[in-house]
């Protein structure tokens, strides 16, 4: 499998780890699973996305899913992304903003930085 998804905090923080070689098909499969997880909640959630385990990505893969419902889903509050180089962050940002018509992403260099940013979400009841 080219991704893993589970709740770090049920109904509050969804963890998404992309793994291995990412193609348009593997990216779409992950986004489909993310959207399915969003369908299960009653309020918007944070999404912690780990790209550090990606070993290879097809050129332009992050631009391949423009308009996917994971980007436009009303339960996707904010994407907190780790492990994207500058080009990947740019491509992801363009796709997210063009799909959603607004910015809902923030990028960190390490998982520790991202988790510190999400600290309040983990502490919520």
PDB file of N, CA and C in Angstrom:
ATOM      1  N   UNK A   1       0.847  -1.189   0.000  1.00  0.00           N
ATOM      2  CA  UNK A   1       0.000   0.000   0.000  1.00  0.00           C
ATOM      3  C   UNK A   1       0.883   1.239   0.000  1.00  0.00           C
ATOM      4  N   UNK A   2       0.451   2.265  -0.707  1.00  0.00           N
ATOM      5  CA  UNK A   2       1.237   3.483  -0.851  1.00  0.00           C
ATOM      6  C   UNK A   2       0.817   4.577   0.125  1.00  0.00           C
ATOM      7  N   UNK A   3      -0.057   4.221   1.082  1.00  0.00           N
ATOM      8  CA  UNK A   3      -0.434   5.197   2.104  1.00  0.00           C
ATOM      9  C   UNK A   3      -1.012   4.482   3.325  1.00  0.00           C
ATOM     10  N   UNK A   4      -1.091   5.237   4.396  1.00  0.00           N
ATOM     11  CA  UNK A   4      -1.689   4.754   5.647  1.00  0.00           C
ATOM     12  C   UNK A   4      -2.478   5.918   6.237  1.00  0.00           C
ATOM     13  N   UNK A   5      -3.685   5.630   6.710  1.00  0.00           N
ATOM     14  CA  UNK A   5      -4.553   6.668   7.288  1.00  0.00           C
ATOM     15  C   UNK A   5      -5.170   6.135   8.574  1.00  0.00           C
ATOM     16  N   UNK A   6      -5.108   6.943   9.626  1.00  0.00           N
ATOM     17  CA  UNK A   6      -5.797   6.608  10.868  1.00  0.00           C
ATOM     18  C   UNK A   6      -5.951   7.877  11.716  1.00  0.00           C
ATOM     19  N   UNK A   7      -6.824   7.790  12.703  1.00  0.00           N
ATOM     20  CA  UNK A   7      -7.079   8.923  13.594  1.00  0.00           C
ATOM     21  C   UNK A   7      -6.013   8.971  14.686  1.00  0.00           C
ATOM     22  N   UNK A   8      -5.331  10.106  14.807  1.00  0.00           N
ATOM     23  CA  UNK A   8      -4.442  10.341  15.949  1.00  0.00           C
ATOM     24  C   UNK A   8      -5.270  10.783  17.146  1.00  0.00           C
ATOM     25  N   UNK A   9      -6.317  11.530  16.866  1.00  0.00           N
ATOM     26  CA  UNK A   9      -7.301  11.947  17.867  1.00  0.00           C
ATOM     27  C   UNK A   9      -8.649  11.822  17.176  1.00  0.00           C
ATOM     28  N   UNK A  10      -9.439  10.876  17.618  1.00  0.00           N
ATOM     29  CA  UNK A  10     -10.707  10.548  16.961  1.00  0.00           C
ATOM     30  C   UNK A  10     -11.543  11.802  16.702  1.00  0.00           C
ATOM     31  N   UNK A  11     -11.911  11.990  15.443  1.00  0.00           N
ATOM     32  CA  UNK A  11     -12.769  13.103  15.063  1.00  0.00           C
ATOM     33  C   UNK A  11     -12.132  14.471  15.134  1.00  0.00           C
ATOM     34  N   UNK A  12     -10.817  14.530  15.379  1.00  0.00           N
ATOM     35  CA  UNK A  12     -10.121  15.824  15.496  1.00  0.00           C
ATOM     36  C   UNK A  12      -8.883  15.925  14.614  1.00  0.00           C
ATOM     37  N   UNK A  13      -8.031  14.871  14.656  1.00  0.00           N
ATOM     38  CA  UNK A  13      -6.770  14.893  13.902  1.00  0.00           C
ATOM     39  C   UNK A  13      -6.629  13.579  13.132  1.00  0.00           C
ATOM     40  N   UNK A  14      -6.665  13.681  11.822  1.00  0.00           N
ATOM     41  CA  UNK A  14      -6.492  12.532  10.943  1.00  0.00           C
ATOM     42  C   UNK A  14      -5.038  12.495  10.488  1.00  0.00           C
ATOM     43  N   UNK A  15      -4.399  11.331  10.625  1.00  0.00           N
ATOM     44  CA  UNK A  15      -3.008  11.153  10.195  1.00  0.00           C
ATOM     45  C   UNK A  15      -2.992  10.458   8.843  1.00  0.00           C
ATOM     46  N   UNK A  16      -2.232  11.023   7.916  1.00  0.00           N
ATOM     47  CA  UNK A  16      -2.100  10.467   6.570  1.00  0.00           C
ATOM     48  C   UNK A  16      -0.616  10.365   6.252  1.00  0.00           C
ATOM     49  N   UNK A  17      -0.153   9.159   5.983  1.00  0.00           N
ATOM     50  CA  UNK A  17       1.246   8.937   5.629  1.00  0.00           C
ATOM     51  C   UNK A  17       1.319   8.392   4.213  1.00  0.00           C
ATOM     52  N   UNK A  18       1.927   9.163   3.335  1.00  0.00           N
ATOM     53  CA  UNK A  18       2.205   8.695   1.979  1.00  0.00           C
ATOM     54  C   UNK A  18       3.502   7.914   2.025  1.00  0.00           C
ATOM     55  N   UNK A  19       3.559   6.793   1.301  1.00  0.00           N
ATOM     56  CA  UNK A  19       4.725   5.917   1.383  1.00  0.00           C
ATOM     57  C   UNK A  19       5.122   5.419   0.006  1.00  0.00           C
ATOM     58  N   UNK A  20       6.427   5.256  -0.179  1.00  0.00           N
ATOM     59  CA  UNK A  20       6.923   4.670  -1.422  1.00  0.00           C
ATOM     60  C   UNK A  20       6.806   5.598  -2.605  1.00  0.00           C
ATOM     61  N   UNK A  21       6.562   5.010  -3.765  1.00  0.00           N
ATOM     62  CA  UNK A  21       6.487   5.726  -5.036  1.00  0.00           C
ATOM     63  C   UNK A  21       5.066   6.259  -5.226  1.00  0.00           C
ATOM     64  N   UNK A  22       4.950   7.569  -5.403  1.00  0.00           N
ATOM     65  CA  UNK A  22       3.644   8.186  -5.589  1.00  0.00           C
ATOM     66  C   UNK A  22       3.388   8.477  -7.065  1.00  0.00           C
ATOM     67  N   UNK A  23       2.257   7.979  -7.542  1.00  0.00           N
ATOM     68  CA  UNK A  23       1.796   8.172  -8.914  1.00  0.00           C
ATOM     69  C   UNK A  23       0.422   8.850  -8.834  1.00  0.00           C
ATOM     70  N   UNK A  24      -0.119   9.313  -9.945  1.00  0.00           N
ATOM     71  CA  UNK A  24      -1.478   9.852  -9.888  1.00  0.00           C
ATOM     72  C   UNK A  24      -2.487   8.852  -9.298  1.00  0.00           C
ATOM     73  N   UNK A  25      -2.344   7.571  -9.609  1.00  0.00           N
ATOM     74  CA  UNK A  25      -3.270   6.561  -9.082  1.00  0.00           C
ATOM     75  C   UNK A  25      -3.117   6.371  -7.572  1.00  0.00           C
ATOM     76  N   UNK A  26      -1.873   6.326  -7.071  1.00  0.00           N
ATOM     77  CA  UNK A  26      -1.685   6.141  -5.625  1.00  0.00           C
ATOM     78  C   UNK A  26      -2.143   7.385  -4.865  1.00  0.00           C
ATOM     79  N   UNK A  27      -1.888   8.560  -5.455  1.00  0.00           N
ATOM     80  CA  UNK A  27      -2.337   9.796  -4.817  1.00  0.00           C
ATOM     81  C   UNK A  27      -3.861   9.843  -4.756  1.00  0.00           C
ATOM     82  N   UNK A  28      -4.514   9.480  -5.842  1.00  0.00           N
ATOM     83  CA  UNK A  28      -5.987   9.467  -5.874  1.00  0.00           C
ATOM     84  C   UNK A  28      -6.545   8.491  -4.842  1.00  0.00           C
ATOM     85  N   UNK A  29      -5.942   7.312  -4.722  1.00  0.00           N
ATOM     86  CA  UNK A  29      -6.417   6.325  -3.741  1.00  0.00           C
ATOM     87  C   UNK A  29      -6.340   6.892  -2.326  1.00  0.00           C
ATOM     88  N   UNK A  30      -5.270   7.580  -2.020  1.00  0.00           N
ATOM     89  CA  UNK A  30      -5.137   8.174  -0.689  1.00  0.00           C
ATOM     90  C   UNK A  30      -6.161   9.284  -0.481  1.00  0.00           C
ATOM     91  N   UNK A  31      -6.312  10.136  -1.467  1.00  0.00           N
ATOM     92  CA  UNK A  31      -7.305  11.221  -1.354  1.00  0.00           C
ATOM     93  C   UNK A  31      -8.718  10.658  -1.217  1.00  0.00           C
ATOM     94  N   UNK A  32      -9.014   9.574  -1.917  1.00  0.00           N
ATOM     95  CA  UNK A  32     -10.328   8.933  -1.774  1.00  0.00           C
ATOM     96  C   UNK A  32     -10.536   8.461  -0.335  1.00  0.00           C
ATOM     97  N   UNK A  33      -9.498   7.850   0.260  1.00  0.00           N
ATOM     98  CA  UNK A  33      -9.602   7.388   1.647  1.00  0.00           C
ATOM     99  C   UNK A  33      -9.725   8.555   2.620  1.00  0.00           C
ATOM    100  N   UNK A  34      -9.019   9.640   2.336  1.00  0.00           N
ATOM    101  CA  UNK A  34      -9.144  10.833   3.187  1.00  0.00           C
ATOM    102  C   UNK A  34     -10.582  11.363   3.145  1.00  0.00           C
ATOM    103  N   UNK A  35     -11.134  11.490   1.945  1.00  0.00           N
ATOM    104  CA  UNK A  35     -12.500  11.995   1.801  1.00  0.00           C
ATOM    105  C   UNK A  35     -13.490  11.083   2.523  1.00  0.00           C
ATOM    106  N   UNK A  36     -13.272   9.780   2.453  1.00  0.00           N
ATOM    107  CA  UNK A  36     -14.148   8.838   3.162  1.00  0.00           C
ATOM    108  C   UNK A  36     -14.059   9.059   4.678  1.00  0.00           C
ATOM    109  N   UNK A  37     -12.875   9.337   5.191  1.00  0.00           N
ATOM    110  CA  UNK A  37     -12.732   9.628   6.630  1.00  0.00           C
ATOM    111  C   UNK A  37     -13.438  10.928   6.976  1.00  0.00           C
ATOM    112  N   UNK A  38     -13.336  11.934   6.122  1.00  0.00           N
ATOM    113  CA  UNK A  38     -14.039  13.202   6.365  1.00  0.00           C
ATOM    114  C   UNK A  38     -15.548  13.001   6.413  1.00  0.00           C
ATOM    115  N   UNK A  39     -16.047  12.065   5.630  1.00  0.00           N
ATOM    116  CA  UNK A  39     -17.487  11.783   5.593  1.00  0.00           C
ATOM    117  C   UNK A  39     -18.008  11.256   6.932  1.00  0.00           C
ATOM    118  N   UNK A  40     -17.127  10.799   7.807  1.00  0.00           N
ATOM    119  CA  UNK A  40     -17.554  10.182   9.066  1.00  0.00           C
ATOM    120  C   UNK A  40     -17.657  11.153  10.228  1.00  0.00           C
ATOM    121  N   UNK A  41     -17.262  12.415  10.031  1.00  0.00           N
ATOM    122  CA  UNK A  41     -17.234  13.362  11.149  1.00  0.00           C
ATOM    123  C   UNK A  41     -18.301  14.434  11.008  1.00  0.00           C
ATOM    124  N   UNK A  42     -18.619  15.056  12.137  1.00  0.00           N
ATOM    125  CA  UNK A  42     -19.656  16.073  12.178  1.00  0.00           C
ATOM    126  C   UNK A  42     -19.099  17.490  12.220  1.00  0.00           C
ATOM    127  N   UNK A  43     -17.786  17.613  12.437  1.00  0.00           N
ATOM    128  CA  UNK A  43     -17.153  18.940  12.455  1.00  0.00           C
ATOM    129  C   UNK A  43     -15.798  18.848  11.756  1.00  0.00           C
ATOM    130  N   UNK A  44     -15.317  19.976  11.248  1.00  0.00           N
ATOM    131  CA  UNK A  44     -14.044  19.974  10.522  1.00  0.00           C
ATOM    132  C   UNK A  44     -12.874  19.468  11.373  1.00  0.00           C
ATOM    133  N   UNK A  45     -11.955  18.772  10.706  1.00  0.00           N
ATOM    134  CA  UNK A  45     -10.814  18.159  11.369  1.00  0.00           C
ATOM    135  C   UNK A  45      -9.504  18.662  10.772  1.00  0.00           C
ATOM    136  N   UNK A  46      -8.448  18.508  11.543  1.00  0.00           N
ATOM    137  CA  UNK A  46      -7.094  18.788  11.083  1.00  0.00           C
ATOM    138  C   UNK A  46      -6.557  17.513  10.445  1.00  0.00           C
ATOM    139  N   UNK A  47      -5.718  17.673   9.425  1.00  0.00           N
ATOM    140  CA  UNK A  47      -5.125  16.534   8.737  1.00  0.00           C
ATOM    141  C   UNK A  47      -3.606  16.685   8.798  1.00  0.00           C
ATOM    142  N   UNK A  48      -2.968  15.762   9.485  1.00  0.00           N
ATOM    143  CA  UNK A  48      -1.509  15.747   9.574  1.00  0.00           C
ATOM    144  C   UNK A  48      -0.994  14.838   8.462  1.00  0.00           C
ATOM    145  N   UNK A  49      -0.330  15.425   7.484  1.00  0.00           N
ATOM    146  CA  UNK A  49       0.134  14.686   6.304  1.00  0.00           C
ATOM    147  C   UNK A  49       1.647  14.514   6.368  1.00  0.00           C
ATOM    148  N   UNK A  50       2.070  13.254   6.334  1.00  0.00           N
ATOM    149  CA  UNK A  50       3.479  12.900   6.381  1.00  0.00           C
ATOM    150  C   UNK A  50       3.924  12.464   4.983  1.00  0.00           C
ATOM    151  N   UNK A  51       4.806  13.247   4.386  1.00  0.00           N
ATOM    152  CA  UNK A  51       5.333  12.963   3.049  1.00  0.00           C
ATOM    153  C   UNK A  51       6.773  12.448   3.146  1.00  0.00           C
ATOM    154  N   UNK A  52       7.293  12.280   4.366  1.00  0.00           N
ATOM    155  CA  UNK A  52       8.704  11.924   4.551  1.00  0.00           C
ATOM    156  C   UNK A  52       9.029  10.502   4.110  1.00  0.00           C
ATOM    157  N   UNK A  53       8.028   9.640   3.996  1.00  0.00           N
ATOM    158  CA  UNK A  53       8.266   8.255   3.610  1.00  0.00           C
ATOM    159  C   UNK A  53       8.097   8.024   2.106  1.00  0.00           C
ATOM    160  N   UNK A  54       7.920   9.099   1.363  1.00  0.00           N
ATOM    161  CA  UNK A  54       7.832   9.000  -0.093  1.00  0.00           C
ATOM    162  C   UNK A  54       9.249   8.825  -0.638  1.00  0.00           C
ATOM    163  N   UNK A  55       9.461   7.767  -1.394  1.00  0.00           N
ATOM    164  CA  UNK A  55      10.780   7.488  -1.956  1.00  0.00           C
ATOM    165  C   UNK A  55      10.938   8.052  -3.360  1.00  0.00           C
ATOM    166  N   UNK A  56       9.814   8.229  -4.047  1.00  0.00           N
ATOM    167  CA  UNK A  56       9.819   8.775  -5.400  1.00  0.00           C
ATOM    168  C   UNK A  56       8.418   9.279  -5.708  1.00  0.00           C
ATOM    169  N   UNK A  57       8.337  10.325  -6.509  1.00  0.00           N
ATOM    170  CA  UNK A  57       7.044  10.839  -6.943  1.00  0.00           C
ATOM    171  C   UNK A  57       7.124  11.165  -8.426  1.00  0.00           C
ATOM    172  N   UNK A  58       6.123  10.738  -9.171  1.00  0.00           N
ATOM    173  CA  UNK A  58       6.080  11.072 -10.589  1.00  0.00           C
ATOM    174  C   UNK A  58       6.073  12.589 -10.756  1.00  0.00           C
ATOM    175  N   UNK A  59       6.701  13.091 -11.811  1.00  0.00           N
ATOM    176  CA  UNK A  59       6.674  14.535 -12.053  1.00  0.00           C
ATOM    177  C   UNK A  59       5.235  15.050 -12.125  1.00  0.00           C
ATOM    178  N   UNK A  60       4.982  16.117 -11.390  1.00  0.00           N
ATOM    179  CA  UNK A  60       3.659  16.734 -11.407  1.00  0.00           C
ATOM    180  C   UNK A  60       2.576  15.975 -10.671  1.00  0.00           C
ATOM    181  N   UNK A  61       2.923  14.934  -9.933  1.00  0.00           N
ATOM    182  CA  UNK A  61       1.902  14.114  -9.275  1.00  0.00           C
ATOM    183  C   UNK A  61       1.016  14.949  -8.343  1.00  0.00           C
ATOM    184  N   UNK A  62       1.592  15.929  -7.672  1.00  0.00           N
ATOM    185  CA  UNK A  62       0.804  16.721  -6.729  1.00  0.00           C
ATOM    186  C   UNK A  62      -0.167  17.671  -7.420  1.00  0.00           C
ATOM    187  N   UNK A  63      -0.035  17.807  -8.722  1.00  0.00           N
ATOM    188  CA  UNK A  63      -0.981  18.610  -9.498  1.00  0.00           C
ATOM    189  C   UNK A  63      -1.991  17.740 -10.237  1.00  0.00           C
ATOM    190  N   UNK A  64      -1.914  16.435 -10.051  1.00  0.00           N
ATOM    191  CA  UNK A  64      -2.710  15.507 -10.857  1.00  0.00           C
ATOM    192  C   UNK A  64      -4.151  15.328 -10.391  1.00  0.00           C
ATOM    193  N   UNK A  65      -4.485  15.811  -9.205  1.00  0.00           N
ATOM    194  CA  UNK A  65      -5.827  15.565  -8.666  1.00  0.00           C
ATOM    195  C   UNK A  65      -6.602  16.859  -8.417  1.00  0.00           C
ATOM    196  N   UNK A  66      -6.400  17.825  -9.279  1.00  0.00           N
ATOM    197  CA  UNK A  66      -7.089  19.110  -9.154  1.00  0.00           C
ATOM    198  C   UNK A  66      -8.595  18.887  -9.035  1.00  0.00           C
ATOM    199  N   UNK A  67      -9.201  19.486  -8.010  1.00  0.00           N
ATOM    200  CA  UNK A  67     -10.642  19.393  -7.817  1.00  0.00           C
ATOM    201  C   UNK A  67     -11.108  18.169  -7.049  1.00  0.00           C
ATOM    202  N   UNK A  68     -10.190  17.311  -6.624  1.00  0.00           N
ATOM    203  CA  UNK A  68     -10.599  16.126  -5.859  1.00  0.00           C
ATOM    204  C   UNK A  68     -11.373  16.562  -4.624  1.00  0.00           C
ATOM    205  N   UNK A  69     -12.375  15.801  -4.245  1.00  0.00           N
ATOM    206  CA  UNK A  69     -13.242  16.218  -3.135  1.00  0.00           C
ATOM    207  C   UNK A  69     -12.542  16.222  -1.783  1.00  0.00           C
ATOM    208  N   UNK A  70     -11.404  15.565  -1.639  1.00  0.00           N
ATOM    209  CA  UNK A  70     -10.652  15.672  -0.383  1.00  0.00           C
ATOM    210  C   UNK A  70     -10.166  17.107  -0.177  1.00  0.00           C
ATOM    211  N   UNK A  71      -9.830  17.788  -1.277  1.00  0.00           N
ATOM    212  CA  UNK A  71      -9.387  19.178  -1.186  1.00  0.00           C
ATOM    213  C   UNK A  71     -10.545  20.122  -0.875  1.00  0.00           C
ATOM    214  N   UNK A  72     -11.731  19.789  -1.355  1.00  0.00           N
ATOM    215  CA  UNK A  72     -12.879  20.694  -1.213  1.00  0.00           C
ATOM    216  C   UNK A  72     -13.849  20.279  -0.113  1.00  0.00           C
ATOM    217  N   UNK A  73     -13.561  19.187   0.555  1.00  0.00           N
ATOM    218  CA  UNK A  73     -14.484  18.659   1.563  1.00  0.00           C
ATOM    219  C   UNK A  73     -14.655  19.661   2.709  1.00  0.00           C
ATOM    220  N   UNK A  74     -15.898  19.949   3.109  1.00  0.00           N
ATOM    221  CA  UNK A  74     -16.121  20.926   4.187  1.00  0.00           C
ATOM    222  C   UNK A  74     -15.596  20.476   5.555  1.00  0.00           C
ATOM    223  N   UNK A  75     -15.308  19.208   5.723  1.00  0.00           N
ATOM    224  CA  UNK A  75     -14.791  18.727   7.010  1.00  0.00           C
ATOM    225  C   UNK A  75     -13.261  18.738   7.070  1.00  0.00           C
ATOM    226  N   UNK A  76     -12.611  19.195   6.016  1.00  0.00           N
ATOM    227  CA  UNK A  76     -11.149  19.343   6.009  1.00  0.00           C
ATOM    228  C   UNK A  76     -10.810  20.764   6.446  1.00  0.00           C
ATOM    229  N   UNK A  77     -10.522  20.937   7.725  1.00  0.00           N
ATOM    230  CA  UNK A  77     -10.264  22.273   8.260  1.00  0.00           C
ATOM    231  C   UNK A  77      -8.915  22.813   7.808  1.00  0.00           C
ATOM    232  N   UNK A  78      -7.858  22.049   8.046  1.00  0.00           N
ATOM    233  CA  UNK A  78      -6.507  22.501   7.714  1.00  0.00           C
ATOM    234  C   UNK A  78      -5.617  21.303   7.483  1.00  0.00           C
ATOM    235  N   UNK A  79      -4.768  21.410   6.475  1.00  0.00           N
ATOM    236  CA  UNK A  79      -3.750  20.408   6.233  1.00  0.00           C
ATOM    237  C   UNK A  79      -2.445  20.867   6.854  1.00  0.00           C
ATOM    238  N   UNK A  80      -1.870  20.026   7.691  1.00  0.00           N
ATOM    239  CA  UNK A  80      -0.585  20.286   8.333  1.00  0.00           C
ATOM    240  C   UNK A  80       0.391  19.295   7.702  1.00  0.00           C
ATOM    241  N   UNK A  81       1.294  19.794   6.868  1.00  0.00           N
ATOM    242  CA  UNK A  81       2.100  18.932   6.016  1.00  0.00           C
ATOM    243  C   UNK A  81       3.574  18.923   6.424  1.00  0.00           C
ATOM    244  N   UNK A  82       4.157  17.722   6.369  1.00  0.00           N
ATOM    245  CA  UNK A  82       5.556  17.531   6.756  1.00  0.00           C
ATOM    246  C   UNK A  82       6.290  16.795   5.635  1.00  0.00           C
ATOM    247  N   UNK A  83       7.497  17.259   5.320  1.00  0.00           N
ATOM    248  CA  UNK A  83       8.362  16.530   4.409  1.00  0.00           C
ATOM    249  C   UNK A  83       8.309  16.944   2.957  1.00  0.00           C
ATOM    250  N   UNK A  84       7.643  18.032   2.638  1.00  0.00           N
ATOM    251  CA  UNK A  84       7.563  18.506   1.267  1.00  0.00           C
ATOM    252  C   UNK A  84       8.740  19.434   0.983  1.00  0.00           C
ATOM    253  N   UNK A  85       9.439  19.198  -0.131  1.00  0.00           N
ATOM    254  CA  UNK A  85      10.462  20.168  -0.505  1.00  0.00           C
ATOM    255  C   UNK A  85       9.752  21.384  -1.099  1.00  0.00           C
ATOM    256  N   UNK A  86      10.491  22.397  -1.472  1.00  0.00           N
ATOM    257  CA  UNK A  86       9.867  23.647  -1.936  1.00  0.00           C
ATOM    258  C   UNK A  86       9.017  23.452  -3.192  1.00  0.00           C
ATOM    259  N   UNK A  87       9.505  22.676  -4.127  1.00  0.00           N
ATOM    260  CA  UNK A  87       8.744  22.439  -5.357  1.00  0.00           C
ATOM    261  C   UNK A  87       7.466  21.665  -5.062  1.00  0.00           C
ATOM    262  N   UNK A  88       7.569  20.624  -4.236  1.00  0.00           N
ATOM    263  CA  UNK A  88       6.387  19.834  -3.884  1.00  0.00           C
ATOM    264  C   UNK A  88       5.368  20.682  -3.122  1.00  0.00           C
ATOM    265  N   UNK A  89       5.852  21.509  -2.204  1.00  0.00           N
ATOM    266  CA  UNK A  89       4.944  22.389  -1.461  1.00  0.00           C
ATOM    267  C   UNK A  89       4.236  23.346  -2.417  1.00  0.00           C
ATOM    268  N   UNK A  90       4.975  23.902  -3.364  1.00  0.00           N
ATOM    269  CA  UNK A  90       4.374  24.815  -4.331  1.00  0.00           C
ATOM    270  C   UNK A  90       3.295  24.110  -5.150  1.00  0.00           C
ATOM    271  N   UNK A  91       3.622  22.927  -5.683  1.00  0.00           N
ATOM    272  CA  UNK A  91       2.652  22.192  -6.498  1.00  0.00           C
ATOM    273  C   UNK A  91       1.420  21.812  -5.684  1.00  0.00           C
ATOM    274  N   UNK A  92       1.632  21.375  -4.451  1.00  0.00           N
ATOM    275  CA  UNK A  92       0.502  21.019  -3.590  1.00  0.00           C
ATOM    276  C   UNK A  92      -0.352  22.246  -3.274  1.00  0.00           C
ATOM    277  N   UNK A  93       0.299  23.347  -3.002  1.00  0.00           N
ATOM    278  CA  UNK A  93      -0.417  24.586  -2.678  1.00  0.00           C
ATOM    279  C   UNK A  93      -1.265  25.059  -3.850  1.00  0.00           C
ATOM    280  N   UNK A  94      -0.707  25.010  -5.033  1.00  0.00           N
ATOM    281  CA  UNK A  94      -1.460  25.422  -6.228  1.00  0.00           C
ATOM    282  C   UNK A  94      -2.700  24.551  -6.388  1.00  0.00           C
ATOM    283  N   UNK A  95      -2.542  23.248  -6.260  1.00  0.00           N
ATOM    284  CA  UNK A  95      -3.677  22.339  -6.409  1.00  0.00           C
ATOM    285  C   UNK A  95      -4.721  22.571  -5.327  1.00  0.00           C
ATOM    286  N   UNK A  96      -4.274  22.714  -4.078  1.00  0.00           N
ATOM    287  CA  UNK A  96      -5.215  22.913  -2.971  1.00  0.00           C
ATOM    288  C   UNK A  96      -5.985  24.221  -3.127  1.00  0.00           C
ATOM    289  N   UNK A  97      -5.287  25.299  -3.430  1.00  0.00           N
ATOM    290  CA  UNK A  97      -5.945  26.610  -3.546  1.00  0.00           C
ATOM    291  C   UNK A  97      -6.852  26.650  -4.767  1.00  0.00           C
ATOM    292  N   UNK A  98      -6.400  26.100  -5.886  1.00  0.00           N
ATOM    293  CA  UNK A  98      -7.244  26.100  -7.081  1.00  0.00           C
ATOM    294  C   UNK A  98      -8.480  25.220  -6.894  1.00  0.00           C
ATOM    295  N   UNK A  99      -8.362  24.166  -6.091  1.00  0.00           N
ATOM    296  CA  UNK A  99      -9.505  23.290  -5.835  1.00  0.00           C
ATOM    297  C   UNK A  99     -10.467  23.909  -4.838  1.00  0.00           C
ATOM    298  N   UNK A 100      -9.927  24.468  -3.769  1.00  0.00           N
ATOM    299  CA  UNK A 100     -10.728  24.936  -2.639  1.00  0.00           C
ATOM    300  C   UNK A 100     -11.086  26.419  -2.742  1.00  0.00           C
ATOM    301  N   UNK A 101     -10.343  27.172  -3.506  1.00  0.00           N
ATOM    302  CA  UNK A 101     -10.509  28.612  -3.625  1.00  0.00           C
ATOM    303  C   UNK A 101     -10.075  29.365  -2.363  1.00  0.00           C
ATOM    304  N   UNK A 102      -9.317  28.685  -1.499  1.00  0.00           N
ATOM    305  CA  UNK A 102      -8.753  29.326  -0.311  1.00  0.00           C
ATOM    306  C   UNK A 102      -7.575  28.484   0.178  1.00  0.00           C
ATOM    307  N   UNK A 103      -6.757  29.079   1.035  1.00  0.00           N
ATOM    308  CA  UNK A 103      -5.589  28.387   1.574  1.00  0.00           C
ATOM    309  C   UNK A 103      -5.955  27.730   2.904  1.00  0.00           C
ATOM    310  N   UNK A 104      -5.659  26.455   3.021  1.00  0.00           N
ATOM    311  CA  UNK A 104      -5.907  25.767   4.296  1.00  0.00           C
ATOM    312  C   UNK A 104      -4.745  24.835   4.645  1.00  0.00           C
ATOM    313  N   UNK A 105      -3.550  25.187   4.174  1.00  0.00           N
ATOM    314  CA  UNK A 105      -2.389  24.340   4.415  1.00  0.00           C
ATOM    315  C   UNK A 105      -1.283  25.111   5.111  1.00  0.00           C
ATOM    316  N   UNK A 106      -0.492  24.367   5.888  1.00  0.00           N
ATOM    317  CA  UNK A 106       0.684  24.915   6.544  1.00  0.00           C
ATOM    318  C   UNK A 106       1.756  23.834   6.496  1.00  0.00           C
ATOM    319  N   UNK A 107       2.998  24.238   6.284  1.00  0.00           N
ATOM    320  CA  UNK A 107       4.091  23.293   6.062  1.00  0.00           C
ATOM    321  C   UNK A 107       5.113  23.376   7.195  1.00  0.00           C
ATOM    322  N   UNK A 108       5.595  22.192   7.595  1.00  0.00           N
ATOM    323  CA  UNK A 108       6.628  22.093   8.626  1.00  0.00           C
ATOM    324  C   UNK A 108       7.743  21.189   8.126  1.00  0.00           C
ATOM    325  N   UNK A 109       8.943  21.409   8.672  1.00  0.00           N
ATOM    326  CA  UNK A 109      10.095  20.581   8.293  1.00  0.00           C
ATOM    327  C   UNK A 109      10.114  19.248   9.024  1.00  0.00           C
ATOM    328  N   UNK A 110       9.602  19.227  10.264  1.00  0.00           N
ATOM    329  CA  UNK A 110       9.659  17.996  11.059  1.00  0.00           C
ATOM    330  C   UNK A 110       8.293  17.659  11.647  1.00  0.00           C
ATOM    331  N   UNK A 111       8.132  16.388  11.977  1.00  0.00           N
ATOM    332  CA  UNK A 111       6.897  15.930  12.608  1.00  0.00           C
ATOM    333  C   UNK A 111       6.745  16.549  13.993  1.00  0.00           C
ATOM    334  N   UNK A 112       7.847  16.733  14.709  1.00  0.00           N
ATOM    335  CA  UNK A 112       7.776  17.361  16.034  1.00  0.00           C
ATOM    336  C   UNK A 112       7.210  18.773  15.949  1.00  0.00           C
ATOM    337  N   UNK A 113       7.644  19.544  14.950  1.00  0.00           N
ATOM    338  CA  UNK A 113       7.112  20.901  14.766  1.00  0.00           C
ATOM    339  C   UNK A 113       5.614  20.859  14.459  1.00  0.00           C
ATOM    340  N   UNK A 114       5.221  19.938  13.609  1.00  0.00           N
ATOM    341  CA  UNK A 114       3.806  19.823  13.238  1.00  0.00           C
ATOM    342  C   UNK A 114       2.962  19.417  14.436  1.00  0.00           C
ATOM    343  N   UNK A 115       3.437  18.460  15.209  1.00  0.00           N
ATOM    344  CA  UNK A 115       2.682  18.016  16.383  1.00  0.00           C
ATOM    345  C   UNK A 115       2.604  19.114  17.439  1.00  0.00           C
ATOM    346  N   UNK A 116       3.649  19.926  17.562  1.00  0.00           N
ATOM    347  CA  UNK A 116       3.603  21.061  18.494  1.00  0.00           C
ATOM    348  C   UNK A 116       2.524  22.049  18.047  1.00  0.00           C
ATOM    349  N   UNK A 117       2.408  22.275  16.755  1.00  0.00           N
ATOM    350  CA  UNK A 117       1.382  23.150  16.217  1.00  0.00           C
ATOM    351  C   UNK A 117      -0.018  22.605  16.535  1.00  0.00           C
ATOM    352  N   UNK A 118      -0.162  21.287  16.517  1.00  0.00           N
ATOM    353  CA  UNK A 118      -1.456  20.627  16.751  1.00  0.00           C
ATOM    354  C   UNK A 118      -1.718  20.326  18.224  1.00  0.00           C
ATOM    355  N   UNK A 119      -0.826  20.718  19.101  1.00  0.00           N
ATOM    356  CA  UNK A 119      -0.910  20.367  20.525  1.00  0.00           C
ATOM    357  C   UNK A 119      -2.307  20.607  21.123  1.00  0.00           C
ATOM    358  N   UNK A 120      -2.887  21.737  20.846  1.00  0.00           N
ATOM    359  CA  UNK A 120      -4.219  22.048  21.404  1.00  0.00           C
ATOM    360  C   UNK A 120      -5.284  21.068  20.914  1.00  0.00           C
ATOM    361  N   UNK A 121      -5.162  20.622  19.688  1.00  0.00           N
ATOM    362  CA  UNK A 121      -6.139  19.665  19.165  1.00  0.00           C
ATOM    363  C   UNK A 121      -6.044  18.336  19.893  1.00  0.00           C
ATOM    364  N   UNK A 122      -4.831  17.921  20.243  1.00  0.00           N
ATOM    365  CA  UNK A 122      -4.642  16.655  20.963  1.00  0.00           C
ATOM    366  C   UNK A 122      -5.174  16.750  22.392  1.00  0.00           C
ATOM    367  N   UNK A 123      -5.176  17.948  22.956  1.00  0.00           N
ATOM    368  CA  UNK A 123      -5.617  18.138  24.335  1.00  0.00           C
ATOM    369  C   UNK A 123      -7.103  18.351  24.481  1.00  0.00           C
ATOM    370  N   UNK A 124      -7.809  18.595  23.379  1.00  0.00           N
ATOM    371  CA  UNK A 124      -9.248  18.827  23.441  1.00  0.00           C
ATOM    372  C   UNK A 124      -9.984  17.564  23.878  1.00  0.00           C
ATOM    373  N   UNK A 125     -11.063  17.774  24.580  1.00  0.00           N
ATOM    374  CA  UNK A 125     -11.892  16.658  25.024  1.00  0.00           C
ATOM    375  C   UNK A 125     -12.831  16.247  23.929  1.00  0.00           C
TER     376      UNK A 125
END
